[in-house]
């Protein structure tokens, strides 16, 4: 940024090169004025023949010194502007390098964070798979234990049918519970020669906020005699 004094001498939006060129012109102009002193004196003497005084040189000398001053000031201003521009560029380069360094460090930090997160995701995934394997292994173990118990108690054919959640006529209440689990609800009707049980499975809530069942199994005297969907 130039000073007000420089703006007064050279105007706005001047470059160091343009100021330097104008400074050369001012210095040369001052030299021309000094070199023209004899002609200046002769010109004044032709107008005022009887006036021979040193003061006739004062205006020309002042004008020459002014051009010299402006020219030398311009050289100084041009030099200072170049130095400031160099300093500005150096500071800009330092700032750019600092910003780039900070950007690189940020990228490295984010890359490390992504790597850590990736390791954590991998660890959680492996942990989940391990637990899933253990759970499946435990489920398989319980399944095999239950299968062996059912085979031992009911035989291989009925055991497999119960494991597949099948229902058939003639299966006992105990076998039905082994196959489908305990009912969500049941109704019992007692007659002279038989006892009827109705087991209900697969409940849902209606829009009226009541519970209804989708499947019904009927037993008579402890054995399955029929089943139906209630939808």
C-alpha atoms as a PDB file:
ATOM      1  CA  UNK A   1       0.000   0.000   0.000  1.00  0.00           C
ATOM      2  CA  UNK A   2       1.458   3.396  -1.016  1.00  0.00           C
ATOM      3  CA  UNK A   3       1.434   6.435   1.293  1.00  0.00           C
ATOM      4  CA  UNK A   4      -0.724   9.532   0.689  1.00  0.00           C
ATOM      5  CA  UNK A   5       2.433  11.394  -0.290  1.00  0.00           C
ATOM      6  CA  UNK A   6       3.236   8.815  -3.001  1.00  0.00           C
ATOM      7  CA  UNK A   7      -0.345   8.949  -4.227  1.00  0.00           C
ATOM      8  CA  UNK A   8      -0.056  12.726  -4.464  1.00  0.00           C
ATOM      9  CA  UNK A   9       3.125  12.456  -6.552  1.00  0.00           C
ATOM     10  CA  UNK A  10       2.295   9.467  -8.716  1.00  0.00           C
ATOM     11  CA  UNK A  11      -1.439   8.933  -8.529  1.00  0.00           C
ATOM     12  CA  UNK A  12      -3.359   5.722  -7.817  1.00  0.00           C
ATOM     13  CA  UNK A  13      -2.806   2.251  -9.291  1.00  0.00           C
ATOM     14  CA  UNK A  14       0.833   2.824 -10.219  1.00  0.00           C
ATOM     15  CA  UNK A  15       3.285  -0.040 -10.557  1.00  0.00           C
ATOM     16  CA  UNK A  16       6.954   0.105  -9.485  1.00  0.00           C
ATOM     17  CA  UNK A  17       7.960  -0.010 -13.154  1.00  0.00           C
ATOM     18  CA  UNK A  18       5.718   2.913 -14.163  1.00  0.00           C
ATOM     19  CA  UNK A  19       6.954   5.004 -11.192  1.00  0.00           C
ATOM     20  CA  UNK A  20      10.553   4.196 -12.114  1.00  0.00           C
ATOM     21  CA  UNK A  21       9.983   5.307 -15.715  1.00  0.00           C
ATOM     22  CA  UNK A  22       8.425   8.570 -14.558  1.00  0.00           C
ATOM     23  CA  UNK A  23      11.335   9.079 -12.146  1.00  0.00           C
ATOM     24  CA  UNK A  24      13.838   8.852 -15.030  1.00  0.00           C
ATOM     25  CA  UNK A  25      11.780  11.393 -16.940  1.00  0.00           C
ATOM     26  CA  UNK A  26      11.763  13.781 -13.938  1.00  0.00           C
ATOM     27  CA  UNK A  27      15.517  13.504 -13.397  1.00  0.00           C
ATOM     28  CA  UNK A  28      16.224  14.066 -17.089  1.00  0.00           C
ATOM     29  CA  UNK A  29      13.847  17.041 -17.049  1.00  0.00           C
ATOM     30  CA  UNK A  30      15.760  18.537 -14.116  1.00  0.00           C
ATOM     31  CA  UNK A  31      19.066  18.085 -15.965  1.00  0.00           C
ATOM     32  CA  UNK A  32      17.603  19.752 -19.039  1.00  0.00           C
ATOM     33  CA  UNK A  33      16.500  22.738 -16.918  1.00  0.00           C
ATOM     34  CA  UNK A  34      19.965  23.039 -15.355  1.00  0.00           C
ATOM     35  CA  UNK A  35      21.609  22.788 -18.757  1.00  0.00           C
ATOM     36  CA  UNK A  36      19.301  25.534 -20.023  1.00  0.00           C
ATOM     37  CA  UNK A  37      20.323  28.050 -17.338  1.00  0.00           C
ATOM     38  CA  UNK A  38      22.501  30.125 -19.758  1.00  0.00           C
ATOM     39  CA  UNK A  39      19.699  30.362 -22.273  1.00  0.00           C
ATOM     40  CA  UNK A  40      17.304  31.210 -19.447  1.00  0.00           C
ATOM     41  CA  UNK A  41      19.606  34.059 -18.291  1.00  0.00           C
ATOM     42  CA  UNK A  42      20.082  35.379 -21.820  1.00  0.00           C
ATOM     43  CA  UNK A  43      16.319  35.308 -22.331  1.00  0.00           C
ATOM     44  CA  UNK A  44      15.728  37.342 -19.147  1.00  0.00           C
ATOM     45  CA  UNK A  45      18.548  39.775 -19.963  1.00  0.00           C
ATOM     46  CA  UNK A  46      16.986  40.361 -23.357  1.00  0.00           C
ATOM     47  CA  UNK A  47      13.810  41.389 -21.636  1.00  0.00           C
ATOM     48  CA  UNK A  48      15.413  43.231 -18.698  1.00  0.00           C
ATOM     49  CA  UNK A  49      18.845  44.453 -19.984  1.00  0.00           C
ATOM     50  CA  UNK A  50      19.680  46.357 -16.807  1.00  0.00           C
ATOM     51  CA  UNK A  51      18.611  43.564 -14.438  1.00  0.00           C
ATOM     52  CA  UNK A  52      21.544  41.329 -13.609  1.00  0.00           C
ATOM     53  CA  UNK A  53      20.848  39.614 -10.341  1.00  0.00           C
ATOM     54  CA  UNK A  54      21.300  36.106  -8.971  1.00  0.00           C
ATOM     55  CA  UNK A  55      17.617  35.939  -8.070  1.00  0.00           C
ATOM     56  CA  UNK A  56      16.728  35.455 -11.692  1.00  0.00           C
ATOM     57  CA  UNK A  57      18.059  31.932 -11.362  1.00  0.00           C
ATOM     58  CA  UNK A  58      15.862  31.039  -8.367  1.00  0.00           C
ATOM     59  CA  UNK A  59      12.717  29.932 -10.269  1.00  0.00           C
ATOM     60  CA  UNK A  60      14.684  27.736 -12.681  1.00  0.00           C
ATOM     61  CA  UNK A  61      16.817  26.324  -9.861  1.00  0.00           C
ATOM     62  CA  UNK A  62      13.721  25.606  -7.768  1.00  0.00           C
ATOM     63  CA  UNK A  63      12.044  23.910 -10.709  1.00  0.00           C
ATOM     64  CA  UNK A  64      15.131  21.786 -11.451  1.00  0.00           C
ATOM     65  CA  UNK A  65      15.481  20.799  -7.786  1.00  0.00           C
ATOM     66  CA  UNK A  66      11.767  19.889  -7.693  1.00  0.00           C
ATOM     67  CA  UNK A  67      12.147  17.544 -10.659  1.00  0.00           C
ATOM     68  CA  UNK A  68      15.275  16.024  -9.080  1.00  0.00           C
ATOM     69  CA  UNK A  69      13.441  15.543  -5.772  1.00  0.00           C
ATOM     70  CA  UNK A  70      10.417  13.971  -7.411  1.00  0.00           C
ATOM     71  CA  UNK A  71      12.629  11.710  -9.537  1.00  0.00           C
ATOM     72  CA  UNK A  72      14.759  10.530  -6.604  1.00  0.00           C
ATOM     73  CA  UNK A  73      11.637  10.086  -4.485  1.00  0.00           C
ATOM     74  CA  UNK A  74      10.181   7.958  -7.273  1.00  0.00           C
ATOM     75  CA  UNK A  75      13.233   5.687  -7.294  1.00  0.00           C
ATOM     76  CA  UNK A  76      12.843   5.225  -3.532  1.00  0.00           C
ATOM     77  CA  UNK A  77       9.103   4.631  -3.841  1.00  0.00           C
ATOM     78  CA  UNK A  78       9.621   2.094  -6.646  1.00  0.00           C
ATOM     79  CA  UNK A  79      12.256   0.267  -4.601  1.00  0.00           C
ATOM     80  CA  UNK A  80      10.045   0.235  -1.497  1.00  0.00           C
ATOM     81  CA  UNK A  81       7.089  -1.058  -3.500  1.00  0.00           C
ATOM     82  CA  UNK A  82       9.218  -3.890  -4.915  1.00  0.00           C
ATOM     83  CA  UNK A  83      10.480  -4.770  -1.452  1.00  0.00           C
ATOM     84  CA  UNK A  84       6.933  -4.765  -0.061  1.00  0.00           C
ATOM     85  CA  UNK A  85       5.815  -6.942  -2.968  1.00  0.00           C
ATOM     86  CA  UNK A  86       8.668  -9.370  -2.254  1.00  0.00           C
ATOM     87  CA  UNK A  87       7.720  -9.447   1.429  1.00  0.00           C
ATOM     88  CA  UNK A  88       4.072  -9.943   0.497  1.00  0.00           C
ATOM     89  CA  UNK A  89       4.977 -12.845  -1.804  1.00  0.00           C
ATOM     90  CA  UNK A  90       7.236 -14.385   0.844  1.00  0.00           C
ATOM     91  CA  UNK A  91       4.457 -14.109   3.442  1.00  0.00           C
ATOM     92  CA  UNK A  92       1.936 -15.488   0.952  1.00  0.00           C
ATOM     93  CA  UNK A  93       4.264 -18.432   0.191  1.00  0.00           C
ATOM     94  CA  UNK A  94       4.758 -19.066   3.906  1.00  0.00           C
ATOM     95  CA  UNK A  95       1.010 -18.953   4.484  1.00  0.00           C
ATOM     96  CA  UNK A  96       0.400 -21.255   1.495  1.00  0.00           C
ATOM     97  CA  UNK A  97       3.026 -23.712   2.784  1.00  0.00           C
ATOM     98  CA  UNK A  98       1.571 -23.512   6.286  1.00  0.00           C
ATOM     99  CA  UNK A  99      -1.951 -24.068   4.973  1.00  0.00           C
ATOM    100  CA  UNK A 100      -0.753 -26.982   2.828  1.00  0.00           C
ATOM    101  CA  UNK A 101       1.080 -28.478   5.796  1.00  0.00           C
ATOM    102  CA  UNK A 102      -2.046 -28.141   7.941  1.00  0.00           C
ATOM    103  CA  UNK A 103      -4.117 -29.652   5.138  1.00  0.00           C
ATOM    104  CA  UNK A 104      -1.686 -32.573   4.808  1.00  0.00           C
ATOM    105  CA  UNK A 105      -1.710 -33.110   8.571  1.00  0.00           C
ATOM    106  CA  UNK A 106      -5.518 -33.041   8.523  1.00  0.00           C
ATOM    107  CA  UNK A 107      -5.567 -35.598   5.710  1.00  0.00           C
ATOM    108  CA  UNK A 108      -3.127 -37.819   7.630  1.00  0.00           C
ATOM    109  CA  UNK A 109      -5.257 -37.474  10.775  1.00  0.00           C
ATOM    110  CA  UNK A 110      -8.441 -38.355   8.899  1.00  0.00           C
ATOM    111  CA  UNK A 111      -6.694 -41.286   7.211  1.00  0.00           C
ATOM    112  CA  UNK A 112      -5.611 -42.576  10.632  1.00  0.00           C
ATOM    113  CA  UNK A 113      -9.158 -42.125  11.948  1.00  0.00           C
ATOM    114  CA  UNK A 114     -10.572 -44.023   8.958  1.00  0.00           C
ATOM    115  CA  UNK A 115      -8.027 -46.775   9.526  1.00  0.00           C
ATOM    116  CA  UNK A 116      -8.915 -46.982  13.219  1.00  0.00           C
ATOM    117  CA  UNK A 117     -12.645 -47.019  12.404  1.00  0.00           C
ATOM    118  CA  UNK A 118     -12.093 -49.687   9.755  1.00  0.00           C
ATOM    119  CA  UNK A 119     -10.227 -51.835  12.307  1.00  0.00           C
ATOM    120  CA  UNK A 120     -13.003 -51.257  14.836  1.00  0.00           C
ATOM    121  CA  UNK A 121     -15.675 -52.235  12.282  1.00  0.00           C
ATOM    122  CA  UNK A 122     -13.665 -55.323  11.386  1.00  0.00           C
ATOM    123  CA  UNK A 123     -13.268 -56.203  15.056  1.00  0.00           C
ATOM    124  CA  UNK A 124     -17.009 -55.750  15.698  1.00  0.00           C
ATOM    125  CA  UNK A 125     -17.849 -57.774  12.605  1.00  0.00           C
ATOM    126  CA  UNK A 126     -15.541 -60.601  13.683  1.00  0.00           C
ATOM    127  CA  UNK A 127     -16.962 -60.424  17.206  1.00  0.00           C
ATOM    128  CA  UNK A 128     -20.497 -60.558  15.814  1.00  0.00           C
ATOM    129  CA  UNK A 129     -19.617 -63.518  13.585  1.00  0.00           C
ATOM    130  CA  UNK A 130     -17.969 -65.273  16.518  1.00  0.00           C
ATOM    131  CA  UNK A 131     -21.020 -64.765  18.726  1.00  0.00           C
ATOM    132  CA  UNK A 132     -23.285 -65.825  15.856  1.00  0.00           C
ATOM    133  CA  UNK A 133     -21.281 -69.016  15.419  1.00  0.00           C
ATOM    134  CA  UNK A 134     -21.386 -69.688  19.161  1.00  0.00           C
ATOM    135  CA  UNK A 135     -25.143 -69.032  19.203  1.00  0.00           C
ATOM    136  CA  UNK A 136     -25.729 -71.289  16.196  1.00  0.00           C
ATOM    137  CA  UNK A 137     -23.531 -73.902  17.774  1.00  0.00           C
ATOM    138  CA  UNK A 138     -25.523 -73.668  20.990  1.00  0.00           C
ATOM    139  CA  UNK A 139     -28.820 -73.814  19.064  1.00  0.00           C
ATOM    140  CA  UNK A 140     -27.587 -76.845  17.121  1.00  0.00           C
ATOM    141  CA  UNK A 141     -26.480 -78.485  20.335  1.00  0.00           C
ATOM    142  CA  UNK A 142     -29.869 -77.899  21.991  1.00  0.00           C
ATOM    143  CA  UNK A 143     -31.618 -79.070  18.817  1.00  0.00           C
ATOM    144  CA  UNK A 144     -29.643 -82.315  18.779  1.00  0.00           C
ATOM    145  CA  UNK A 145     -30.255 -82.857  22.492  1.00  0.00           C
ATOM    146  CA  UNK A 146     -33.979 -82.279  22.028  1.00  0.00           C
ATOM    147  CA  UNK A 147     -34.037 -84.500  18.955  1.00  0.00           C
ATOM    148  CA  UNK A 148     -32.376 -87.317  20.864  1.00  0.00           C
ATOM    149  CA  UNK A 149     -34.858 -86.902  23.714  1.00  0.00           C
ATOM    150  CA  UNK A 150     -37.839 -86.936  21.325  1.00  0.00           C
ATOM    151  CA  UNK A 151     -36.521 -89.986  19.448  1.00  0.00           C
ATOM    152  CA  UNK A 152     -35.948 -91.796  22.684  1.00  0.00           C
ATOM    153  CA  UNK A 153     -39.449 -90.947  23.908  1.00  0.00           C
ATOM    154  CA  UNK A 154     -41.568 -91.111  20.721  1.00  0.00           C
ATOM    155  CA  UNK A 155     -39.475 -92.879  18.113  1.00  0.00           C
ATOM    156  CA  UNK A 156     -37.622 -91.538  15.092  1.00  0.00           C
ATOM    157  CA  UNK A 157     -40.600 -90.904  12.772  1.00  0.00           C
ATOM    158  CA  UNK A 158     -42.804 -88.985  15.221  1.00  0.00           C
ATOM    159  CA  UNK A 159     -39.779 -87.116  16.592  1.00  0.00           C
ATOM    160  CA  UNK A 160     -38.876 -85.806  13.118  1.00  0.00           C
ATOM    161  CA  UNK A 161     -42.483 -84.783  12.487  1.00  0.00           C
ATOM    162  CA  UNK A 162     -42.583 -82.839  15.738  1.00  0.00           C
ATOM    163  CA  UNK A 163     -39.244 -81.189  14.967  1.00  0.00           C
ATOM    164  CA  UNK A 164     -40.785 -80.042  11.658  1.00  0.00           C
ATOM    165  CA  UNK A 165     -43.746 -78.605  13.614  1.00  0.00           C
ATOM    166  CA  UNK A 166     -46.222 -80.943  11.936  1.00  0.00           C
ATOM    167  CA  UNK A 167     -49.705 -81.716  13.284  1.00  0.00           C
ATOM    168  CA  UNK A 168     -51.532 -84.988  12.607  1.00  0.00           C
ATOM    169  CA  UNK A 169     -54.602 -86.724  13.864  1.00  0.00           C
ATOM    170  CA  UNK A 170     -54.045 -88.961  16.825  1.00  0.00           C
ATOM    171  CA  UNK A 171     -51.054 -87.085  18.252  1.00  0.00           C
ATOM    172  CA  UNK A 172     -51.330 -86.522  21.971  1.00  0.00           C
ATOM    173  CA  UNK A 173     -51.597 -83.192  23.746  1.00  0.00           C
ATOM    174  CA  UNK A 174     -48.040 -83.598  24.948  1.00  0.00           C
ATOM    175  CA  UNK A 175     -46.810 -84.254  21.384  1.00  0.00           C
ATOM    176  CA  UNK A 176     -48.739 -81.195  20.125  1.00  0.00           C
ATOM    177  CA  UNK A 177     -47.032 -78.996  22.717  1.00  0.00           C
ATOM    178  CA  UNK A 178     -43.664 -80.462  21.689  1.00  0.00           C
ATOM    179  CA  UNK A 179     -44.455 -79.673  18.045  1.00  0.00           C
ATOM    180  CA  UNK A 180     -46.117 -76.225  18.296  1.00  0.00           C
ATOM    181  CA  UNK A 181     -45.376 -75.105  21.836  1.00  0.00           C
ATOM    182  CA  UNK A 182     -47.849 -74.140  24.523  1.00  0.00           C
ATOM    183  CA  UNK A 183     -50.996 -72.468  23.156  1.00  0.00           C
ATOM    184  CA  UNK A 184     -51.539 -68.738  23.598  1.00  0.00           C
ATOM    185  CA  UNK A 185     -55.059 -69.535  24.739  1.00  0.00           C
ATOM    186  CA  UNK A 186     -57.254 -72.617  25.157  1.00  0.00           C
ATOM    187  CA  UNK A 187     -60.835 -73.575  25.792  1.00  0.00           C
ATOM    188  CA  UNK A 188     -62.090 -76.729  27.471  1.00  0.00           C
ATOM    189  CA  UNK A 189     -65.513 -78.318  27.041  1.00  0.00           C
ATOM    190  CA  UNK A 190     -66.492 -81.298  29.198  1.00  0.00           C
ATOM    191  CA  UNK A 191     -69.130 -83.772  27.966  1.00  0.00           C
ATOM    192  CA  UNK A 192     -70.426 -87.103  29.270  1.00  0.00           C
ATOM    193  CA  UNK A 193     -68.134 -89.266  27.201  1.00  0.00           C
ATOM    194  CA  UNK A 194     -65.420 -86.849  26.109  1.00  0.00           C
ATOM    195  CA  UNK A 195     -63.407 -83.761  26.991  1.00  0.00           C
ATOM    196  CA  UNK A 196     -62.793 -81.333  24.152  1.00  0.00           C
ATOM    197  CA  UNK A 197     -59.862 -78.916  24.127  1.00  0.00           C
ATOM    198  CA  UNK A 198     -59.253 -76.109  21.645  1.00  0.00           C
ATOM    199  CA  UNK A 199     -55.704 -74.734  21.416  1.00  0.00           C
ATOM    200  CA  UNK A 200     -55.152 -71.335  19.804  1.00  0.00           C
ATOM    201  CA  UNK A 201     -51.937 -70.125  18.149  1.00  0.00           C
ATOM    202  CA  UNK A 202     -50.611 -67.062  16.236  1.00  0.00           C
ATOM    203  CA  UNK A 203     -52.307 -64.093  17.881  1.00  0.00           C
ATOM    204  CA  UNK A 204     -52.690 -60.591  16.464  1.00  0.00           C
ATOM    205  CA  UNK A 205     -54.210 -57.281  17.601  1.00  0.00           C
ATOM    206  CA  UNK A 206     -57.220 -55.939  15.674  1.00  0.00           C
ATOM    207  CA  UNK A 207     -58.035 -52.292  14.993  1.00  0.00           C
ATOM    208  CA  UNK A 208     -60.527 -52.516  17.862  1.00  0.00           C
ATOM    209  CA  UNK A 209     -57.576 -53.400  20.107  1.00  0.00           C
ATOM    210  CA  UNK A 210     -58.797 -56.964  20.683  1.00  0.00           C
ATOM    211  CA  UNK A 211     -56.782 -60.192  20.433  1.00  0.00           C
ATOM    212  CA  UNK A 212     -57.726 -62.737  17.782  1.00  0.00           C
ATOM    213  CA  UNK A 213     -56.042 -66.017  16.831  1.00  0.00           C
ATOM    214  CA  UNK A 214     -55.192 -67.309  13.395  1.00  0.00           C
ATOM    215  CA  UNK A 215     -54.939 -71.051  14.086  1.00  0.00           C
ATOM    216  CA  UNK A 216     -57.043 -73.527  16.088  1.00  0.00           C
ATOM    217  CA  UNK A 217     -56.301 -77.151  16.997  1.00  0.00           C
ATOM    218  CA  UNK A 218     -59.054 -79.390  18.422  1.00  0.00           C
ATOM    219  CA  UNK A 219     -58.355 -82.294  20.804  1.00  0.00           C
ATOM    220  CA  UNK A 220     -60.751 -84.894  22.158  1.00  0.00           C
ATOM    221  CA  UNK A 221     -59.825 -86.958  25.183  1.00  0.00           C
ATOM    222  CA  UNK A 222     -56.201 -85.793  24.879  1.00  0.00           C
ATOM    223  CA  UNK A 223     -55.690 -86.513  21.154  1.00  0.00           C
ATOM    224  CA  UNK A 224     -55.771 -84.235  18.109  1.00  0.00           C
ATOM    225  CA  UNK A 225     -58.861 -84.699  15.937  1.00  0.00           C
ATOM    226  CA  UNK A 226     -58.660 -81.607  13.745  1.00  0.00           C
ATOM    227  CA  UNK A 227     -57.254 -78.110  13.083  1.00  0.00           C
ATOM    228  CA  UNK A 228     -58.123 -75.076  10.991  1.00  0.00           C
ATOM    229  CA  UNK A 229     -57.146 -71.540  10.063  1.00  0.00           C
ATOM    230  CA  UNK A 230     -59.312 -68.842  11.620  1.00  0.00           C
ATOM    231  CA  UNK A 231     -58.609 -66.033   9.107  1.00  0.00           C
END
